[in-house]
Amino acid sequence: MFNKVMNYLKKHIRENLLIYSMVILCFLIGVSVGAFTVKIVDKHQKEELFYYLRDFFQLFYTNELSGVSIFRQSFVNNFQLLILSWILGLVVLLAPLVLLIVSFKGFVIGFTVALLIEEFKLWGILVFLLGVFPQNFIIIPSFIFAAVFSLCFSSSFIKIKIKKIKNIGFLKQMLPYSSLYGILVMIIVVASFIEAYIAPLFIRLIASNLL
């Protein structure tokens, strides 16, 4: 089963290399813009962000954040963006907007990493590696695949309409497209579990050095 999935992904990447490259480029642009934004934020706003971060780590240190609430928030946030990406693919002409979602995820990562490093230096890098990277190692590829699936679905639908192929209906196309998104939702559940129950363990170990 695993080998079949990997073979499908390899084939899909080869056949849609240009789309994958475009999506990844949008993500990297988002990361760059996010990191640059930290540099141009004025001193007063930056101090407020630093106070917020310290309050956030204080909650971890005192164990006031429950795993259930973190899991729920993480899953809902990512699920909503996945659903939006799925809908944009179905609307066809709006499918390119999925690139904004990927760019947004990149922006958040870039901004977070730059802010952590600027404020906490080495400890900030550790927070990223132990508390931010693990779940995003799963979440980011999921959103990249989601964007590619949406763009491929919309372009395939347009090609079918142009060539007037009648034996392939919208519902017949929609089933595998939606199934792929269903798999991504299950993957997001795993990522949310990591964010809620595993990453906080590491953050608590170093939280005292961040207060």
C-alpha atoms as a PDB file:
ATOM      1  CA  MET A   1       0.000   0.000   0.000  1.00  0.00           C
ATOM      2  CA  PHE A   2       2.761   2.415   1.008  1.00  0.00           C
ATOM      3  CA  ASN A   3       4.757   1.575  -2.129  1.00  0.00           C
ATOM      4  CA  LYS A   4       1.702   2.210  -4.299  1.00  0.00           C
ATOM      5  CA  VAL A   5       1.179   5.614  -2.703  1.00  0.00           C
ATOM      6  CA  MET A   6       4.850   6.539  -3.142  1.00  0.00           C
ATOM      7  CA  ASN A   7       4.843   5.386  -6.766  1.00  0.00           C
ATOM      8  CA  TYR A   8       1.700   7.435  -7.425  1.00  0.00           C
ATOM      9  CA  LEU A   9       3.257  10.525  -5.846  1.00  0.00           C
ATOM     10  CA  LYS A  10       6.488  10.117  -7.831  1.00  0.00           C
ATOM     11  CA  LYS A  11       4.510   9.765 -11.051  1.00  0.00           C
ATOM     12  CA  HIS A  12       2.294  12.715 -10.159  1.00  0.00           C
ATOM     13  CA  ILE A  13       5.319  14.920  -9.418  1.00  0.00           C
ATOM     14  CA  ARG A  14       7.015  13.953 -12.697  1.00  0.00           C
ATOM     15  CA  GLU A  15       3.884  14.671 -14.725  1.00  0.00           C
ATOM     16  CA  ASN A  16       3.166  17.984 -12.982  1.00  0.00           C
ATOM     17  CA  LEU A  17       6.674  19.195 -12.228  1.00  0.00           C
ATOM     18  CA  LEU A  18       5.962  22.726 -13.471  1.00  0.00           C
ATOM     19  CA  ILE A  19       2.936  23.104 -11.186  1.00  0.00           C
ATOM     20  CA  TYR A  20       4.857  21.731  -8.200  1.00  0.00           C
ATOM     21  CA  SER A  21       7.711  24.150  -8.913  1.00  0.00           C
ATOM     22  CA  MET A  22       5.287  27.077  -9.101  1.00  0.00           C
ATOM     23  CA  VAL A  23       3.589  26.138  -5.822  1.00  0.00           C
ATOM     24  CA  ILE A  24       6.892  25.646  -3.988  1.00  0.00           C
ATOM     25  CA  LEU A  25       8.136  28.977  -5.357  1.00  0.00           C
ATOM     26  CA  CYS A  26       5.037  30.704  -3.940  1.00  0.00           C
ATOM     27  CA  PHE A  27       5.710  29.072  -0.575  1.00  0.00           C
ATOM     28  CA  LEU A  28       9.338  30.238  -0.580  1.00  0.00           C
ATOM     29  CA  ILE A  29       8.265  33.755  -1.538  1.00  0.00           C
ATOM     30  CA  GLY A  30       5.871  33.694   1.423  1.00  0.00           C
ATOM     31  CA  VAL A  31       8.689  32.588   3.748  1.00  0.00           C
ATOM     32  CA  SER A  32      10.957  35.371   2.475  1.00  0.00           C
ATOM     33  CA  VAL A  33       8.268  38.040   2.823  1.00  0.00           C
ATOM     34  CA  GLY A  34       7.435  36.813   6.339  1.00  0.00           C
ATOM     35  CA  ALA A  35      11.075  36.949   7.441  1.00  0.00           C
ATOM     36  CA  PHE A  36      11.547  40.385   5.862  1.00  0.00           C
ATOM     37  CA  THR A  37       8.403  41.704   7.555  1.00  0.00           C
ATOM     38  CA  VAL A  38       9.982  41.116  10.973  1.00  0.00           C
ATOM     39  CA  LYS A  39      12.819  43.424   9.944  1.00  0.00           C
ATOM     40  CA  ILE A  40      10.518  46.295   8.955  1.00  0.00           C
ATOM     41  CA  VAL A  41       8.072  46.068  11.877  1.00  0.00           C
ATOM     42  CA  ASP A  42       8.490  49.170  14.034  1.00  0.00           C
ATOM     43  CA  LYS A  43      10.031  48.928  17.497  1.00  0.00           C
ATOM     44  CA  HIS A  44       6.763  49.380  19.409  1.00  0.00           C
ATOM     45  CA  GLN A  45       4.953  46.605  17.504  1.00  0.00           C
ATOM     46  CA  LYS A  46       7.964  44.337  17.840  1.00  0.00           C
ATOM     47  CA  GLU A  47       8.020  44.808  21.620  1.00  0.00           C
ATOM     48  CA  GLU A  48       4.333  43.884  21.771  1.00  0.00           C
ATOM     49  CA  LEU A  49       5.050  40.725  19.775  1.00  0.00           C
ATOM     50  CA  PHE A  50       7.905  39.815  22.106  1.00  0.00           C
ATOM     51  CA  TYR A  51       5.661  40.289  25.164  1.00  0.00           C
ATOM     52  CA  TYR A  52       3.054  38.081  23.500  1.00  0.00           C
ATOM     53  CA  LEU A  53       5.653  35.376  22.856  1.00  0.00           C
ATOM     54  CA  ARG A  54       6.835  35.449  26.456  1.00  0.00           C
ATOM     55  CA  ASP A  55       3.251  35.209  27.728  1.00  0.00           C
ATOM     56  CA  PHE A  56       2.711  32.300  25.349  1.00  0.00           C
ATOM     57  CA  PHE A  57       5.773  30.453  26.649  1.00  0.00           C
ATOM     58  CA  GLN A  58       4.692  31.240  30.216  1.00  0.00           C
ATOM     59  CA  LEU A  59       1.467  29.327  29.546  1.00  0.00           C
ATOM     60  CA  PHE A  60       3.520  26.352  28.380  1.00  0.00           C
ATOM     61  CA  TYR A  61       5.871  26.592  31.353  1.00  0.00           C
ATOM     62  CA  THR A  62       3.002  26.621  33.856  1.00  0.00           C
ATOM     63  CA  ASN A  63       1.180  23.914  31.881  1.00  0.00           C
ATOM     64  CA  GLU A  64      -1.938  26.072  31.481  1.00  0.00           C
ATOM     65  CA  LEU A  65      -2.535  25.067  27.850  1.00  0.00           C
ATOM     66  CA  SER A  66      -4.415  21.800  27.454  1.00  0.00           C
ATOM     67  CA  GLY A  67      -3.544  19.384  24.685  1.00  0.00           C
ATOM     68  CA  VAL A  68      -7.195  19.158  23.681  1.00  0.00           C
ATOM     69  CA  SER A  69      -7.518  22.911  23.098  1.00  0.00           C
ATOM     70  CA  ILE A  70      -4.262  23.056  21.104  1.00  0.00           C
ATOM     71  CA  PHE A  71      -5.322  20.053  19.017  1.00  0.00           C
ATOM     72  CA  ARG A  72      -8.758  21.516  18.328  1.00  0.00           C
ATOM     73  CA  GLN A  73      -7.377  24.924  17.356  1.00  0.00           C
ATOM     74  CA  SER A  74      -4.648  23.479  15.140  1.00  0.00           C
ATOM     75  CA  PHE A  75      -6.963  21.060  13.361  1.00  0.00           C
ATOM     76  CA  VAL A  76      -9.761  23.594  12.819  1.00  0.00           C
ATOM     77  CA  ASN A  77      -7.375  26.213  11.416  1.00  0.00           C
ATOM     78  CA  ASN A  78      -5.733  23.814   8.969  1.00  0.00           C
ATOM     79  CA  PHE A  79      -8.984  22.047   8.098  1.00  0.00           C
ATOM     80  CA  GLN A  80     -10.636  25.347   7.166  1.00  0.00           C
ATOM     81  CA  LEU A  81      -7.760  26.244   4.843  1.00  0.00           C
ATOM     82  CA  LEU A  82      -7.859  22.773   3.272  1.00  0.00           C
ATOM     83  CA  ILE A  83     -11.600  23.067   2.662  1.00  0.00           C
ATOM     84  CA  LEU A  84     -11.063  26.494   1.112  1.00  0.00           C
ATOM     85  CA  SER A  85      -8.367  25.053  -1.146  1.00  0.00           C
ATOM     86  CA  TRP A  86     -10.693  22.188  -2.127  1.00  0.00           C
ATOM     87  CA  ILE A  87     -13.534  24.599  -2.950  1.00  0.00           C
ATOM     88  CA  LEU A  88     -11.258  26.857  -5.007  1.00  0.00           C
ATOM     89  CA  GLY A  89     -10.270  23.840  -7.086  1.00  0.00           C
ATOM     90  CA  LEU A  90     -13.925  22.972  -7.698  1.00  0.00           C
ATOM     91  CA  VAL A  91     -14.743  26.524  -8.795  1.00  0.00           C
ATOM     92  CA  VAL A  92     -12.018  26.005 -11.459  1.00  0.00           C
ATOM     93  CA  LEU A  93     -11.445  29.632 -12.445  1.00  0.00           C
ATOM     94  CA  LEU A  94     -10.619  30.508  -8.827  1.00  0.00           C
ATOM     95  CA  ALA A  95      -8.135  27.633  -8.464  1.00  0.00           C
ATOM     96  CA  PRO A  96      -5.044  29.893  -8.844  1.00  0.00           C
ATOM     97  CA  LEU A  97      -6.033  31.500  -5.530  1.00  0.00           C
ATOM     98  CA  VAL A  98      -4.753  28.363  -3.778  1.00  0.00           C
ATOM     99  CA  LEU A  99      -1.308  29.850  -4.362  1.00  0.00           C
ATOM    100  CA  LEU A 100      -2.242  32.584  -1.887  1.00  0.00           C
ATOM    101  CA  ILE A 101      -2.975  29.938   0.751  1.00  0.00           C
ATOM    102  CA  VAL A 102       0.439  28.353   0.230  1.00  0.00           C
ATOM    103  CA  SER A 103       2.087  31.786   0.310  1.00  0.00           C
ATOM    104  CA  PHE A 104       0.235  32.565   3.543  1.00  0.00           C
ATOM    105  CA  LYS A 105       1.524  29.362   5.175  1.00  0.00           C
ATOM    106  CA  GLY A 106       5.019  30.319   4.046  1.00  0.00           C
ATOM    107  CA  PHE A 107       4.593  33.844   5.413  1.00  0.00           C
ATOM    108  CA  VAL A 108       3.578  32.512   8.839  1.00  0.00           C
ATOM    109  CA  ILE A 109       6.596  30.177   8.953  1.00  0.00           C
ATOM    110  CA  GLY A 110       9.028  32.875   7.831  1.00  0.00           C
ATOM    111  CA  PHE A 111       7.641  35.467  10.238  1.00  0.00           C
ATOM    112  CA  THR A 112       7.617  33.042  13.180  1.00  0.00           C
ATOM    113  CA  VAL A 113      11.170  31.803  12.632  1.00  0.00           C
ATOM    114  CA  ALA A 114      12.595  35.299  12.118  1.00  0.00           C
ATOM    115  CA  LEU A 115      10.818  36.605  15.229  1.00  0.00           C
ATOM    116  CA  LEU A 116      11.998  33.701  17.392  1.00  0.00           C
ATOM    117  CA  ILE A 117      15.606  34.026  16.260  1.00  0.00           C
ATOM    118  CA  GLU A 118      15.680  37.819  16.643  1.00  0.00           C
ATOM    119  CA  GLU A 119      14.317  37.675  20.180  1.00  0.00           C
ATOM    120  CA  PHE A 120      15.751  34.446  21.594  1.00  0.00           C
ATOM    121  CA  LYS A 121      18.795  33.777  19.353  1.00  0.00           C
ATOM    122  CA  LEU A 122      19.939  30.142  19.853  1.00  0.00           C
ATOM    123  CA  TRP A 123      16.960  29.339  22.073  1.00  0.00           C
ATOM    124  CA  GLY A 124      14.707  30.628  19.301  1.00  0.00           C
ATOM    125  CA  ILE A 125      16.278  28.173  16.866  1.00  0.00           C
ATOM    126  CA  LEU A 126      15.662  25.374  19.373  1.00  0.00           C
ATOM    127  CA  VAL A 127      12.026  26.425  19.784  1.00  0.00           C
ATOM    128  CA  PHE A 128      11.597  26.291  16.028  1.00  0.00           C
ATOM    129  CA  LEU A 129      13.303  22.905  15.638  1.00  0.00           C
ATOM    130  CA  LEU A 130      11.470  21.291  18.563  1.00  0.00           C
ATOM    131  CA  GLY A 131       8.169  23.160  18.754  1.00  0.00           C
ATOM    132  CA  VAL A 132       7.376  24.440  15.261  1.00  0.00           C
ATOM    133  CA  PHE A 133       9.188  22.278  12.726  1.00  0.00           C
ATOM    134  CA  PRO A 134       7.814  18.794  13.637  1.00  0.00           C
ATOM    135  CA  GLN A 135       4.152  19.477  12.794  1.00  0.00           C
ATOM    136  CA  ASN A 136       4.973  21.800   9.907  1.00  0.00           C
ATOM    137  CA  PHE A 137       7.157  19.095   8.373  1.00  0.00           C
ATOM    138  CA  ILE A 138       3.800  17.396   7.755  1.00  0.00           C
ATOM    139  CA  ILE A 139       1.491  20.402   7.350  1.00  0.00           C
ATOM    140  CA  ILE A 140       3.478  22.315   4.702  1.00  0.00           C
ATOM    141  CA  PRO A 141       3.851  19.396   2.243  1.00  0.00           C
ATOM    142  CA  SER A 142       0.137  18.683   2.755  1.00  0.00           C
ATOM    143  CA  PHE A 143      -0.787  22.198   1.653  1.00  0.00           C
ATOM    144  CA  ILE A 144       1.640  22.030  -1.262  1.00  0.00           C
ATOM    145  CA  PHE A 145      -0.007  18.812  -2.440  1.00  0.00           C
ATOM    146  CA  ALA A 146      -3.449  20.340  -1.854  1.00  0.00           C
ATOM    147  CA  ALA A 147      -2.596  23.334  -4.038  1.00  0.00           C
ATOM    148  CA  VAL A 148      -1.228  21.097  -6.787  1.00  0.00           C
ATOM    149  CA  PHE A 149      -4.294  18.824  -6.660  1.00  0.00           C
ATOM    150  CA  SER A 150      -6.597  21.842  -6.981  1.00  0.00           C
ATOM    151  CA  LEU A 151      -4.656  23.309  -9.897  1.00  0.00           C
ATOM    152  CA  CYS A 152      -4.451  19.936 -11.656  1.00  0.00           C
ATOM    153  CA  PHE A 153      -8.173  19.329 -11.173  1.00  0.00           C
ATOM    154  CA  SER A 154      -9.120  22.721 -12.599  1.00  0.00           C
ATOM    155  CA  SER A 155      -6.742  22.456 -15.566  1.00  0.00           C
ATOM    156  CA  SER A 156      -7.944  18.918 -16.312  1.00  0.00           C
ATOM    157  CA  PHE A 157     -11.569  20.063 -16.193  1.00  0.00           C
ATOM    158  CA  ILE A 158     -10.832  22.925 -18.600  1.00  0.00           C
ATOM    159  CA  LYS A 159      -9.031  20.574 -21.023  1.00  0.00           C
ATOM    160  CA  ILE A 160     -11.991  18.184 -21.003  1.00  0.00           C
ATOM    161  CA  LYS A 161     -14.397  21.036 -21.738  1.00  0.00           C
ATOM    162  CA  ILE A 162     -12.225  22.378 -24.562  1.00  0.00           C
ATOM    163  CA  LYS A 163     -11.806  18.948 -26.157  1.00  0.00           C
ATOM    164  CA  LYS A 164     -15.512  18.212 -25.514  1.00  0.00           C
ATOM    165  CA  ILE A 165     -14.893  14.792 -24.007  1.00  0.00           C
ATOM    166  CA  LYS A 166     -18.331  13.544 -23.009  1.00  0.00           C
ATOM    167  CA  ASN A 167     -17.598  10.274 -21.188  1.00  0.00           C
ATOM    168  CA  ILE A 168     -15.834  12.038 -18.288  1.00  0.00           C
ATOM    169  CA  GLY A 169     -18.323  13.936 -16.143  1.00  0.00           C
ATOM    170  CA  PHE A 170     -17.701  16.408 -13.345  1.00  0.00           C
ATOM    171  CA  LEU A 171     -18.669  13.915 -10.617  1.00  0.00           C
ATOM    172  CA  LYS A 172     -16.342  11.290 -12.088  1.00  0.00           C
ATOM    173  CA  GLN A 173     -13.472  13.761 -11.781  1.00  0.00           C
ATOM    174  CA  MET A 174     -14.554  15.035  -8.395  1.00  0.00           C
ATOM    175  CA  LEU A 175     -14.434  11.637  -6.638  1.00  0.00           C
ATOM    176  CA  PRO A 176     -10.656  11.014  -6.860  1.00  0.00           C
ATOM    177  CA  TYR A 177      -9.998  14.718  -6.262  1.00  0.00           C
ATOM    178  CA  SER A 178     -12.058  14.695  -3.056  1.00  0.00           C
ATOM    179  CA  SER A 179     -10.525  11.375  -1.982  1.00  0.00           C
ATOM    180  CA  LEU A 180      -7.048  12.901  -2.154  1.00  0.00           C
ATOM    181  CA  TYR A 181      -8.233  15.753   0.042  1.00  0.00           C
ATOM    182  CA  GLY A 182      -9.705  13.210   2.450  1.00  0.00           C
ATOM    183  CA  ILE A 183      -6.248  11.683   2.828  1.00  0.00           C
ATOM    184  CA  LEU A 184      -4.777  15.131   3.470  1.00  0.00           C
ATOM    185  CA  VAL A 185      -7.330  15.739   6.230  1.00  0.00           C
ATOM    186  CA  MET A 186      -6.224  12.523   7.961  1.00  0.00           C
ATOM    187  CA  ILE A 187      -2.603  13.634   7.648  1.00  0.00           C
ATOM    188  CA  ILE A 188      -3.508  16.979   9.227  1.00  0.00           C
ATOM    189  CA  VAL A 189      -5.011  15.078  12.178  1.00  0.00           C
ATOM    190  CA  VAL A 190      -1.589  13.503  12.766  1.00  0.00           C
ATOM    191  CA  ALA A 191       0.140  16.892  12.499  1.00  0.00           C
ATOM    192  CA  SER A 192      -2.319  18.446  14.952  1.00  0.00           C
ATOM    193  CA  PHE A 193      -1.687  15.598  17.399  1.00  0.00           C
ATOM    194  CA  ILE A 194       2.056  16.279  17.208  1.00  0.00           C
ATOM    195  CA  GLU A 195       1.473  20.000  17.753  1.00  0.00           C
ATOM    196  CA  ALA A 196      -0.814  19.366  20.727  1.00  0.00           C
ATOM    197  CA  TYR A 197       0.885  16.530  22.585  1.00  0.00           C
ATOM    198  CA  ILE A 198       4.493  16.122  21.426  1.00  0.00           C
ATOM    199  CA  ALA A 199       5.866  19.574  20.541  1.00  0.00           C
ATOM    200  CA  PRO A 200       4.722  21.101  23.895  1.00  0.00           C
ATOM    201  CA  LEU A 201       6.834  18.552  25.782  1.00  0.00           C
ATOM    202  CA  PHE A 202       9.976  19.932  24.159  1.00  0.00           C
ATOM    203  CA  ILE A 203       8.891  23.554  24.534  1.00  0.00           C
ATOM    204  CA  ARG A 204       8.356  23.062  28.289  1.00  0.00           C
ATOM    205  CA  LEU A 205      11.918  21.757  28.616  1.00  0.00           C
ATOM    206  CA  ILE A 206      13.369  25.038  27.374  1.00  0.00           C
ATOM    207  CA  ALA A 207      10.577  27.463  28.326  1.00  0.00           C
ATOM    208  CA  SER A 208      12.369  28.604  31.491  1.00  0.00           C
ATOM    209  CA  ASN A 209      15.165  30.005  29.310  1.00  0.00           C
ATOM    210  CA  LEU A 210      12.679  32.090  27.336  1.00  0.00           C
ATOM    211  CA  LEU A 211      11.005  33.910  30.231  1.00  0.00           C
END
